[in-house]
Amino acid sequence: MKDLENKVALVTGSSRGLGRGIALELARQGANIIVNYNSSEKQAQEVVKKIQELNCQAIAIKADVSDEKSVEDMFGQIIHKFGHIDILVNNAGTTKAQDIFSTTLDDWNRIIKTNLTSCFLCSRAAMKEMAAKKSGRIVNISSIVARRGALYGHVHYAATKSGMFGFTKTLARTAAPFGITVNCVAPGIIGTELLFETHGAEEVEKLSSGVPLGLGKVEDVGLAVAYLCGPGGRYITGATIDVNGGMCFV
């Protein structure tokens, strides 16, 4: 029996990048997956197809996870389809290549909503369902920048990823009496589409050259998430697993 067989997992922002890798790894371990997306329907359906090829159930749900009504509607669809939810991975996020001098208030608010408000809204909705059945796993995808700061600006992105640490520790205390664990995974330099879009190939090569284990893969993050959601994560809560190839030690 696979560790996550018949578990129901929502991975936000899972049509590509880290979310896609996490969704596929959870499916490899037996979970049924809700592939959340906001704009990339074709890519989301491709992920659904790959999950179904792994003999797991999967559906794609379009939802802006920074919007309260959209999140409520999404969870309504999940409960209607599966009857419950066991795992939430708050992965949805974005950034913009700019420093504080070029960051407008609108830019700031958009990144905060996409990366951090979405984490609050989805966790609140999931907690209500998980608390009723006295079990559940929540994993928040933070970043190495939460520990060491972002390079070349991205102050809004770093603020959201640092905010996840405090959010996770506090929610873990609230969730524990309900049998729910809440943890973080903080990836380092991982070869995603977003990384190449925001930094460019030359800069990515420069960044990864300073990583002892080299450029990370999305599978590396997916395996860490799966561990926290499986039997090995039963007694781990309020923690952060750093998946950065030795780039940063705490």
Protein backbone atom coordinates (compact mmCIF):
# COMPACT_ATOMS: atom_id res chain seq x y z
CA MET A 1 0.00 0.00 0.00
CA LYS A 2 1.29 3.46 -0.90
CA ASP A 3 1.75 5.95 1.93
CA LEU A 4 -0.93 8.37 0.68
CA GLU A 5 -3.34 5.93 -0.93
CA ASN A 6 -6.89 7.33 -1.14
CA LYS A 7 -5.91 10.63 0.50
CA VAL A 8 -7.38 13.76 -1.08
CA ALA A 9 -4.89 16.56 -1.67
CA LEU A 10 -5.32 20.11 -2.92
CA VAL A 11 -2.18 21.69 -4.36
CA THR A 12 -2.68 25.37 -5.15
CA GLY A 13 -0.99 26.73 -8.25
CA SER A 14 -0.25 23.25 -9.54
CA SER A 15 -0.56 23.65 -13.30
CA ARG A 16 3.20 24.10 -13.61
CA GLY A 17 6.47 24.49 -11.73
CA LEU A 18 6.80 23.43 -8.12
CA GLY A 19 3.07 22.86 -7.76
CA ARG A 20 3.03 20.48 -10.70
CA GLY A 21 5.98 18.54 -9.28
CA ILE A 22 4.39 18.34 -5.84
CA ALA A 23 1.05 17.20 -7.24
CA LEU A 24 2.68 14.45 -9.29
CA GLU A 25 4.76 13.20 -6.35
CA LEU A 26 1.73 13.03 -4.07
CA ALA A 27 -0.07 11.09 -6.79
CA ARG A 28 2.86 8.68 -7.14
CA GLN A 29 2.31 7.93 -3.47
CA GLY A 30 -1.38 7.24 -4.01
CA ALA A 31 -3.15 10.54 -3.37
CA ASN A 32 -6.08 11.84 -5.38
CA ILE A 33 -5.32 15.39 -6.47
CA ILE A 34 -7.14 18.66 -6.98
CA VAL A 35 -5.08 20.65 -9.46
CA ASN A 36 -5.76 24.31 -8.78
CA TYR A 37 -4.97 26.92 -11.42
CA ASN A 38 -5.91 30.51 -12.17
CA SER A 39 -5.13 30.97 -15.87
CA SER A 40 -3.34 27.94 -17.34
CA GLU A 41 -6.24 25.57 -18.02
CA LYS A 42 -4.44 23.60 -20.75
CA GLN A 43 -1.44 22.97 -18.50
CA ALA A 44 -3.69 22.06 -15.58
CA GLN A 45 -5.52 19.47 -17.68
CA GLU A 46 -2.17 18.02 -18.75
CA VAL A 47 -1.27 17.54 -15.08
CA VAL A 48 -4.66 15.91 -14.48
CA LYS A 49 -4.00 13.49 -17.32
CA LYS A 50 -0.57 12.55 -15.93
CA ILE A 51 -2.07 11.93 -12.49
CA GLN A 52 -4.81 9.75 -13.96
CA GLU A 53 -2.11 7.74 -15.74
CA LEU A 54 -0.78 6.99 -12.24
CA ASN A 55 -4.19 5.42 -11.45
CA CYS A 56 -5.25 8.24 -9.14
CA GLN A 57 -8.27 10.50 -9.40
CA ALA A 58 -7.68 14.10 -10.38
CA ILE A 59 -9.71 17.18 -11.24
CA ALA A 60 -8.68 20.69 -12.22
CA ILE A 61 -10.38 23.64 -10.52
CA LYS A 62 -9.95 27.23 -11.67
CA ALA A 63 -9.83 29.56 -8.68
CA ASP A 64 -8.10 32.76 -7.67
CA VAL A 65 -6.88 31.60 -4.25
CA SER A 66 -6.33 35.20 -3.12
CA ASP A 67 -10.09 35.80 -3.41
CA GLU A 68 -12.35 34.69 -0.56
CA LYS A 69 -15.37 33.79 -2.69
CA SER A 70 -13.25 31.82 -5.18
CA VAL A 71 -11.72 29.80 -2.34
CA GLU A 72 -15.13 29.06 -0.83
CA ASP A 73 -16.44 27.90 -4.21
CA MET A 74 -13.38 25.71 -4.78
CA PHE A 75 -13.74 23.95 -1.44
CA GLY A 76 -17.44 23.45 -2.15
CA GLN A 77 -16.50 21.63 -5.36
CA ILE A 78 -13.88 19.54 -3.54
CA ILE A 79 -16.30 18.39 -0.85
CA HIS A 80 -18.99 17.68 -3.45
CA LYS A 81 -16.58 15.53 -5.49
CA PHE A 82 -14.55 13.77 -2.78
CA GLY A 83 -16.50 14.28 0.44
CA HIS A 84 -13.46 15.45 2.41
CA ILE A 85 -9.92 16.82 2.18
CA ASP A 86 -6.83 15.33 3.85
CA ILE A 87 -3.95 17.44 2.53
CA LEU A 88 -3.53 21.10 1.61
CA VAL A 89 -0.35 22.35 -0.03
CA ASN A 90 -0.25 26.14 -0.17
CA ASN A 91 2.03 26.53 -3.17
CA ALA A 92 0.47 29.31 -5.25
CA GLY A 93 2.82 32.24 -5.54
CA THR A 94 4.53 34.73 -7.80
CA THR A 95 7.07 37.52 -7.78
CA LYS A 96 8.22 40.41 -9.93
CA ALA A 97 11.77 41.44 -10.72
CA GLN A 98 11.93 44.83 -9.02
CA ASP A 99 13.55 46.49 -6.03
CA ILE A 100 11.82 48.69 -3.48
CA PHE A 101 12.36 51.83 -5.57
CA SER A 102 10.39 50.43 -8.49
CA THR A 103 7.73 48.63 -6.41
CA THR A 104 4.37 50.38 -6.40
CA LEU A 105 1.76 49.83 -3.71
CA ASP A 106 -0.30 47.89 -6.25
CA ASP A 107 2.69 45.61 -6.91
CA TRP A 108 3.17 45.08 -3.18
CA ASN A 109 -0.49 44.30 -2.55
CA ARG A 110 -0.70 41.90 -5.49
CA ILE A 111 2.26 39.81 -4.30
CA ILE A 112 1.02 39.81 -0.69
CA LYS A 113 -2.44 38.65 -1.78
CA THR A 114 -1.20 36.00 -4.18
CA ASN A 115 1.45 34.52 -1.88
CA LEU A 116 0.24 35.07 1.68
CA THR A 117 -3.45 35.94 1.74
CA SER A 118 -4.08 32.82 -0.35
CA CYS A 119 -2.31 30.78 2.32
CA PHE A 120 -4.65 32.17 5.00
CA LEU A 121 -7.84 31.71 2.97
CA CYS A 122 -7.11 28.15 1.89
CA SER A 123 -5.85 27.09 5.32
CA ARG A 124 -8.94 28.48 7.02
CA ALA A 125 -11.23 26.62 4.62
CA ALA A 126 -9.25 23.39 4.92
CA MET A 127 -9.04 23.60 8.72
CA LYS A 128 -12.82 23.67 8.99
CA GLU A 129 -13.08 20.39 7.08
CA MET A 130 -10.04 18.73 8.71
CA ALA A 131 -11.06 19.69 12.26
CA ALA A 132 -14.39 17.96 11.81
CA LYS A 133 -12.67 14.64 11.13
CA LYS A 134 -9.76 15.23 13.55
CA SER A 135 -6.98 14.77 10.99
CA GLY A 136 -5.17 16.56 8.20
CA ARG A 137 -1.88 17.87 6.86
CA ILE A 138 -1.11 21.42 5.73
CA VAL A 139 2.19 22.24 4.04
CA ASN A 140 3.16 25.80 3.13
CA ILE A 141 5.74 26.35 0.41
CA SER A 142 8.06 29.11 1.60
CA SER A 143 11.55 29.83 0.24
CA ILE A 144 15.21 30.16 1.13
CA VAL A 145 14.73 33.93 0.85
CA ALA A 146 12.71 33.79 4.09
CA ARG A 147 15.95 32.87 5.85
CA ARG A 148 18.55 34.96 4.05
CA GLY A 149 16.65 37.63 2.13
CA ALA A 150 16.15 37.88 -1.61
CA LEU A 151 18.84 38.93 -4.06
CA TYR A 152 18.40 41.95 -6.33
CA GLY A 153 15.17 43.23 -4.81
CA HIS A 154 11.99 41.09 -4.62
CA VAL A 155 11.28 42.62 -1.20
CA HIS A 156 7.55 41.83 -1.49
CA TYR A 157 8.26 38.17 -2.29
CA ALA A 158 10.70 37.79 0.60
CA ALA A 159 8.21 39.40 2.99
CA THR A 160 5.51 36.90 2.06
CA LYS A 161 7.81 33.90 2.37
CA SER A 162 9.05 35.07 5.79
CA GLY A 163 5.45 35.64 6.83
CA MET A 164 4.74 31.98 6.15
CA PHE A 165 7.12 30.98 8.94
CA GLY A 166 5.13 32.82 11.61
CA PHE A 167 1.84 31.76 10.07
CA THR A 168 2.92 28.11 10.09
CA LYS A 169 4.15 28.06 13.69
CA THR A 170 1.02 29.75 15.00
CA LEU A 171 -1.41 27.67 12.96
CA ALA A 172 0.40 24.49 14.06
CA ARG A 173 -0.49 25.28 17.68
CA THR A 174 -4.12 25.92 16.80
CA ALA A 175 -4.33 22.80 14.65
CA ALA A 176 -2.67 20.28 16.96
CA PRO A 177 -5.72 19.55 19.19
CA PHE A 178 -7.59 18.61 16.00
CA GLY A 179 -4.96 16.11 14.85
CA ILE A 180 -3.76 18.44 12.09
CA THR A 181 -0.10 19.13 11.39
CA VAL A 182 1.11 22.35 9.76
CA ASN A 183 4.62 22.64 8.34
CA CYS A 184 6.75 24.55 5.85
CA VAL A 185 9.05 23.51 3.05
CA ALA A 186 11.59 26.16 2.06
CA PRO A 187 13.13 25.42 -1.37
CA GLY A 188 16.37 26.95 -2.56
CA ILE A 189 17.32 27.39 -6.21
CA ILE A 190 14.94 25.04 -8.03
CA GLY A 191 14.76 24.82 -11.81
CA THR A 192 11.19 26.04 -12.38
CA GLU A 193 9.64 28.08 -15.17
CA LEU A 194 9.18 31.02 -12.78
CA LEU A 195 12.87 31.02 -11.86
CA PHE A 196 13.95 31.24 -15.50
CA GLU A 197 11.27 33.83 -16.29
CA THR A 198 12.31 36.16 -13.48
CA HIS A 199 16.09 35.66 -13.55
CA GLY A 200 17.02 34.41 -17.04
CA ALA A 201 19.19 31.44 -17.94
CA GLU A 202 22.51 33.23 -17.39
CA GLU A 203 21.55 34.43 -13.92
CA VAL A 204 20.17 30.99 -12.98
CA GLU A 205 23.49 29.41 -13.94
CA LYS A 206 25.32 31.98 -11.84
CA LEU A 207 23.05 31.37 -8.84
CA SER A 208 23.22 27.57 -9.02
CA SER A 209 27.02 27.59 -9.30
CA GLY A 210 27.13 28.62 -5.65
CA VAL A 211 24.97 25.71 -4.46
CA PRO A 212 26.97 22.73 -3.10
CA LEU A 213 24.54 20.18 -4.61
CA GLY A 214 23.80 22.25 -7.72
CA LEU A 215 20.46 23.30 -9.16
CA GLY A 216 17.54 21.56 -7.46
CA LYS A 217 14.69 19.74 -9.20
CA VAL A 218 10.97 20.06 -8.54
CA GLU A 219 10.95 16.39 -7.54
CA ASP A 220 13.23 17.25 -4.60
CA VAL A 221 10.56 19.55 -3.20
CA GLY A 222 7.76 17.10 -3.97
CA LEU A 223 9.48 14.34 -2.01
CA ALA A 224 9.86 16.59 1.04
CA VAL A 225 6.18 17.54 0.92
CA ALA A 226 5.16 13.89 0.53
CA TYR A 227 7.26 12.97 3.58
CA LEU A 228 5.46 15.55 5.73
CA CYS A 229 2.10 14.31 4.46
CA GLY A 230 2.92 10.64 5.03
CA PRO A 231 3.59 8.47 8.10
CA GLY A 232 7.00 10.06 8.66
CA GLY A 233 5.39 13.44 9.31
CA ARG A 234 2.94 12.24 11.96
CA TYR A 235 4.77 13.90 14.87
CA ILE A 236 6.24 16.89 13.01
CA THR A 237 4.43 20.21 13.22
CA GLY A 238 5.40 23.88 13.16
CA ALA A 239 8.64 22.92 11.44
CA THR A 240 10.42 24.01 8.27
CA ILE A 241 12.28 21.58 6.04
CA ASP A 242 14.98 23.35 4.05
CA VAL A 243 15.40 21.90 0.56
CA ASN A 244 18.27 24.01 -0.73
CA GLY A 245 21.19 21.72 -1.58
CA GLY A 246 23.37 23.11 1.19
CA MET A 247 23.00 26.72 0.07
CA CYS A 248 21.91 27.87 3.52
CA PHE A 249 22.24 26.24 6.94
CA VAL A 250 20.11 27.29 9.91
